Amino acid sequence: MKPNFKHYNKRKRGGASFWDEEYRTGKHLALSDEPSEDLLKFTRFLERAYNGAYLTKTSQALDLGAGNGRNLIYLARQFGTSGTGFDISGEAVSQAKRKSEAEKLPLVFTVRSIAEPIPLPDESQDLVLDMMTSHFLNESERANLLKEIYRVLKPGGWFFYKTFLLDDDPHAARFLKDYPTGETGTYLHPHIGRPEHVATETEIYDRLAGLFDIQKVSRSHRHRAANPKRRSISVYAQKIY
């Protein structure tokens, strides 16, 4: 079965053009200026478990898929952290820059694909955020990105990874059946018109093994509700040193 795009303008779907329109209009997705609740949970974990040692004025954070900057802006406001944010949407980056520059926050936002090598020095980052971003990459791009994340993280630094979870999600299973791409675990998103990967928990553990120590995992359950959302998984992974 082929995806049905009749409700979408094909000239604008997918990639940077789709996200530019979303950040201008919020037509299809609920976008916010507030920090992600998942990020707040992660920072509370670091504060409790490590007494805020990774959230200081000397900390450096990288957000892969920074959008309008809301998560890096929160980290800078709350903890004084410096940060770098990448996003493929010029509109999102423009919004992030305006907000950050208005408050003179120590943040840099750049229009950039995360499929490209990360232009940051080895072992320079305390935190790397990949929150619902790298699932748009293909298998080899995801593998290369993980190598780059490991490279730029300091020993003992943290990788906060959130992505779609296939396990026990019938909606993801249906997408894989109805909109296949030929790559295992990847379907063509019927609304965005781009390939989107959905991982199993075993796949995630295997991918991080030997590089990161997984400290905590949380899984969403709202996919079982009457108005279901896609299932996701959040992983707090510390670089092995």
Protein backbone atom coordinates (compact mmCIF):
# COMPACT_ATOMS: atom_id res chain seq x y z
CA MET A 1 0.00 0.00 0.00
CA LYS A 2 1.32 3.46 -0.88
CA PRO A 3 1.13 6.38 1.53
CA ASN A 4 -1.83 8.70 1.06
CA PHE A 5 -0.64 12.30 0.85
CA LYS A 6 -3.88 13.84 -0.39
CA HIS A 7 -4.20 16.06 2.71
CA TYR A 8 -0.68 17.48 2.32
CA ASN A 9 1.08 19.73 -0.13
CA LYS A 10 3.70 17.45 -1.67
CA ARG A 11 5.93 20.35 -2.56
CA LYS A 12 6.28 21.20 1.12
CA ARG A 13 6.32 17.81 2.81
CA GLY A 14 9.45 16.29 4.30
CA GLY A 15 12.81 17.69 5.30
CA ALA A 16 13.57 21.33 5.99
CA SER A 17 10.55 22.69 4.11
CA PHE A 18 8.11 20.68 6.22
CA TRP A 19 9.71 21.86 9.48
CA ASP A 20 9.98 25.46 8.30
CA GLU A 21 6.22 25.47 7.72
CA GLU A 22 5.56 23.80 11.05
CA TYR A 23 7.60 26.35 13.00
CA ARG A 24 5.84 29.16 11.16
CA THR A 25 2.30 27.83 11.46
CA GLY A 26 2.16 24.86 13.86
CA LYS A 27 -0.25 23.32 11.36
CA HIS A 28 0.20 19.62 12.12
CA LEU A 29 2.24 19.31 15.32
CA ALA A 30 1.91 20.79 18.81
CA LEU A 31 5.07 22.88 19.18
CA SER A 32 5.97 24.65 22.41
CA ASP A 33 8.36 27.23 23.83
CA GLU A 34 8.49 25.36 27.14
CA PRO A 35 11.22 22.78 27.81
CA SER A 36 10.34 19.18 27.19
CA GLU A 37 8.97 17.36 30.23
CA ASP A 38 11.38 14.55 29.40
CA LEU A 39 14.31 16.96 29.63
CA LEU A 40 13.05 18.21 33.00
CA LYS A 41 12.94 14.63 34.28
CA PHE A 42 16.48 14.07 33.02
CA THR A 43 17.84 17.17 34.76
CA ARG A 44 16.09 16.19 38.00
CA PHE A 45 17.76 12.79 37.75
CA LEU A 46 21.20 14.41 37.35
CA GLU A 47 20.55 16.76 40.24
CA ARG A 48 19.47 13.95 42.57
CA ALA A 49 22.02 11.36 41.55
CA TYR A 50 25.03 13.60 40.96
CA ASN A 51 24.22 16.75 42.93
CA GLY A 52 24.06 18.79 39.73
CA ALA A 53 27.69 18.06 38.83
CA TYR A 54 26.89 17.94 35.10
CA LEU A 55 24.66 21.04 35.17
CA THR A 56 26.91 24.01 35.88
CA LYS A 57 28.16 27.23 34.30
CA THR A 58 31.12 25.31 32.90
CA SER A 59 28.97 22.58 31.31
CA GLN A 60 28.65 22.31 27.54
CA ALA A 61 25.50 20.86 25.95
CA LEU A 62 24.82 19.83 22.35
CA ASP A 63 21.24 19.51 21.11
CA LEU A 64 20.84 17.51 17.90
CA GLY A 65 17.56 18.77 16.49
CA ALA A 66 17.28 21.84 18.70
CA GLY A 67 14.15 23.21 17.04
CA ASN A 68 13.24 26.61 18.47
CA GLY A 69 15.91 26.22 21.14
CA ARG A 70 13.57 25.56 24.04
CA ASN A 71 15.66 22.87 25.73
CA LEU A 72 19.04 24.58 25.46
CA ILE A 73 17.46 27.87 26.51
CA TYR A 74 16.09 26.17 29.61
CA LEU A 75 19.50 24.69 30.48
CA ALA A 76 21.16 28.08 30.05
CA ARG A 77 18.54 29.91 32.11
CA GLN A 78 18.32 27.33 34.88
CA PHE A 79 21.93 26.18 35.22
CA GLY A 80 24.04 28.65 33.24
CA THR A 81 25.19 25.98 30.78
CA SER A 82 26.63 26.90 27.40
CA GLY A 83 25.30 25.10 24.37
CA THR A 84 25.25 24.36 20.66
CA GLY A 85 22.09 23.52 18.75
CA PHE A 86 21.68 22.10 15.25
CA ASP A 87 18.48 21.92 13.23
CA ILE A 88 17.66 21.53 9.54
CA SER A 89 14.92 24.17 9.77
CA GLY A 90 16.08 27.71 9.12
CA GLU A 91 12.84 29.02 10.62
CA ALA A 92 13.38 27.08 13.86
CA VAL A 93 16.98 28.26 14.12
CA SER A 94 15.93 31.87 13.52
CA GLN A 95 13.42 31.62 16.37
CA ALA A 96 16.04 30.05 18.66
CA LYS A 97 18.57 32.76 17.85
CA ARG A 98 16.11 35.58 18.53
CA LYS A 99 15.18 34.20 21.94
CA SER A 100 18.75 33.40 22.93
CA GLU A 101 20.23 36.70 21.76
CA ALA A 102 17.49 38.69 23.49
CA GLU A 103 18.64 37.22 26.82
CA LYS A 104 22.35 37.13 25.92
CA LEU A 105 22.50 33.41 26.63
CA PRO A 106 25.75 31.48 25.88
CA LEU A 107 24.18 29.50 23.05
CA VAL A 108 24.94 29.02 19.36
CA PHE A 109 22.30 27.76 16.91
CA THR A 110 23.16 26.59 13.39
CA VAL A 111 21.21 25.28 10.42
CA ARG A 112 22.79 21.90 9.92
CA SER A 113 21.94 18.28 9.16
CA ILE A 114 22.93 15.82 11.88
CA ALA A 115 23.85 13.37 9.10
CA GLU A 116 27.02 15.47 8.69
CA PRO A 117 30.05 15.17 11.00
CA ILE A 118 29.68 17.21 14.19
CA PRO A 119 31.98 20.26 13.97
CA LEU A 120 33.03 20.17 17.64
CA PRO A 121 36.28 19.03 19.28
CA ASP A 122 36.81 15.60 20.78
CA GLU A 123 35.61 15.21 24.40
CA SER A 124 34.22 18.76 24.54
CA GLN A 125 30.61 18.15 25.60
CA ASP A 126 29.11 17.27 28.98
CA LEU A 127 25.64 16.55 27.57
CA VAL A 128 24.34 15.49 24.17
CA LEU A 129 20.61 15.48 23.47
CA ASP A 130 19.04 13.42 20.69
CA MET A 131 15.34 13.84 21.39
CA MET A 132 13.19 12.46 18.59
CA THR A 133 15.67 13.46 15.91
CA SER A 134 17.97 10.70 14.65
CA HIS A 135 15.04 8.41 13.75
CA PHE A 136 14.85 10.39 10.48
CA LEU A 137 18.30 9.10 9.48
CA ASN A 138 19.03 5.87 7.66
CA GLU A 139 20.91 2.98 9.25
CA SER A 140 24.43 4.03 8.24
CA GLU A 141 23.77 7.67 9.17
CA ARG A 142 22.53 6.64 12.62
CA ALA A 143 25.64 4.54 13.15
CA ASN A 144 27.93 7.40 12.10
CA LEU A 145 26.06 9.85 14.33
CA LEU A 146 26.49 7.61 17.37
CA LYS A 147 30.24 7.50 16.73
CA GLU A 148 30.27 11.30 16.55
CA ILE A 149 28.24 11.61 19.77
CA TYR A 150 30.69 9.33 21.55
CA ARG A 151 33.63 11.29 20.15
CA VAL A 152 32.47 14.73 21.30
CA LEU A 153 31.32 13.63 24.77
CA LYS A 154 33.71 13.98 27.67
CA PRO A 155 34.54 10.79 29.58
CA GLY A 156 31.60 10.30 31.91
CA GLY A 157 29.45 12.69 29.88
CA TRP A 158 25.77 12.04 29.29
CA PHE A 159 23.80 11.06 26.21
CA PHE A 160 20.04 11.65 26.59
CA TYR A 161 18.37 9.65 23.87
CA LYS A 162 14.65 9.65 23.15
CA THR A 163 13.15 7.85 20.18
CA PHE A 164 10.15 5.86 19.01
CA LEU A 165 9.78 2.40 20.54
CA LEU A 166 8.41 -0.50 18.47
CA ASP A 167 7.83 -2.91 21.35
CA ASP A 168 4.12 -3.27 22.17
CA ASP A 169 3.11 -0.44 19.81
CA PRO A 170 0.52 -1.66 17.28
CA HIS A 171 0.50 1.73 15.54
CA ALA A 172 4.21 1.46 14.70
CA ALA A 173 3.70 -2.13 13.57
CA ARG A 174 0.90 -0.99 11.26
CA PHE A 175 3.07 1.76 9.75
CA LEU A 176 5.83 -0.78 9.09
CA LYS A 177 3.34 -3.05 7.34
CA ASP A 178 1.49 -0.37 5.34
CA TYR A 179 4.36 1.96 4.43
CA PRO A 180 7.55 -0.14 4.10
CA THR A 181 10.83 1.31 2.86
CA GLY A 182 13.00 -1.78 2.49
CA GLU A 183 15.06 -0.96 5.60
CA THR A 184 14.28 -3.03 8.69
CA GLY A 185 12.32 -1.06 11.28
CA THR A 186 11.77 1.91 8.97
CA TYR A 187 8.56 3.10 7.29
CA LEU A 188 7.67 6.06 5.10
CA HIS A 189 5.78 8.42 7.38
CA PRO A 190 2.29 8.86 5.88
CA HIS A 191 2.07 12.55 6.87
CA ILE A 192 5.61 13.89 6.66
CA GLY A 193 6.60 11.81 3.65
CA ARG A 194 10.03 10.90 5.03
CA PRO A 195 11.50 7.60 6.21
CA GLU A 196 11.23 7.22 9.98
CA HIS A 197 12.91 4.53 12.07
CA VAL A 198 11.29 2.87 15.07
CA ALA A 199 13.60 0.88 17.34
CA THR A 200 13.18 -2.10 19.61
CA GLU A 201 14.61 -1.89 23.11
CA THR A 202 17.01 -4.72 22.29
CA GLU A 203 18.27 -2.79 19.27
CA ILE A 204 18.95 0.27 21.42
CA TYR A 205 20.84 -1.72 24.05
CA ASP A 206 22.92 -3.46 21.39
CA ARG A 207 23.71 -0.14 19.71
CA LEU A 208 24.94 1.48 22.94
CA ALA A 209 26.76 -1.57 24.31
CA GLY A 210 30.46 -1.04 24.94
CA LEU A 211 30.18 2.72 24.53
CA PHE A 212 27.69 3.79 27.18
CA ASP A 213 26.49 2.65 30.58
CA ILE A 214 22.70 2.86 30.58
CA GLN A 215 21.69 4.33 33.92
CA LYS A 216 17.93 4.65 33.45
CA VAL A 217 15.24 3.84 30.91
CA SER A 218 11.64 5.03 30.82
CA ARG A 219 8.93 4.03 28.37
CA SER A 220 5.70 5.83 27.48
CA HIS A 221 2.33 4.08 27.69
CA ARG A 222 -0.12 6.59 26.19
CA HIS A 223 -0.13 4.56 22.96
CA ARG A 224 -2.72 2.36 24.67
CA ALA A 225 -5.17 5.22 25.27
CA ALA A 226 -8.39 5.88 23.34
CA ASN A 227 -6.63 8.66 21.39
CA PRO A 228 -3.24 7.00 21.13
CA LYS A 229 0.13 8.60 20.66
CA ARG A 230 3.15 6.78 19.34
CA ARG A 231 5.20 4.94 21.96
CA SER A 232 8.59 6.34 22.91
CA ILE A 233 11.57 5.40 25.05
CA SER A 234 13.98 7.68 26.92
CA VAL A 235 17.48 6.48 27.77
CA TYR A 236 19.98 8.09 30.17
CA ALA A 237 23.36 6.81 29.00
CA GLN A 238 26.74 7.74 30.46
CA LYS A 239 29.87 7.50 28.33
CA ILE A 240 32.09 4.70 29.59
CA TYR A 241 35.48 5.85 30.84
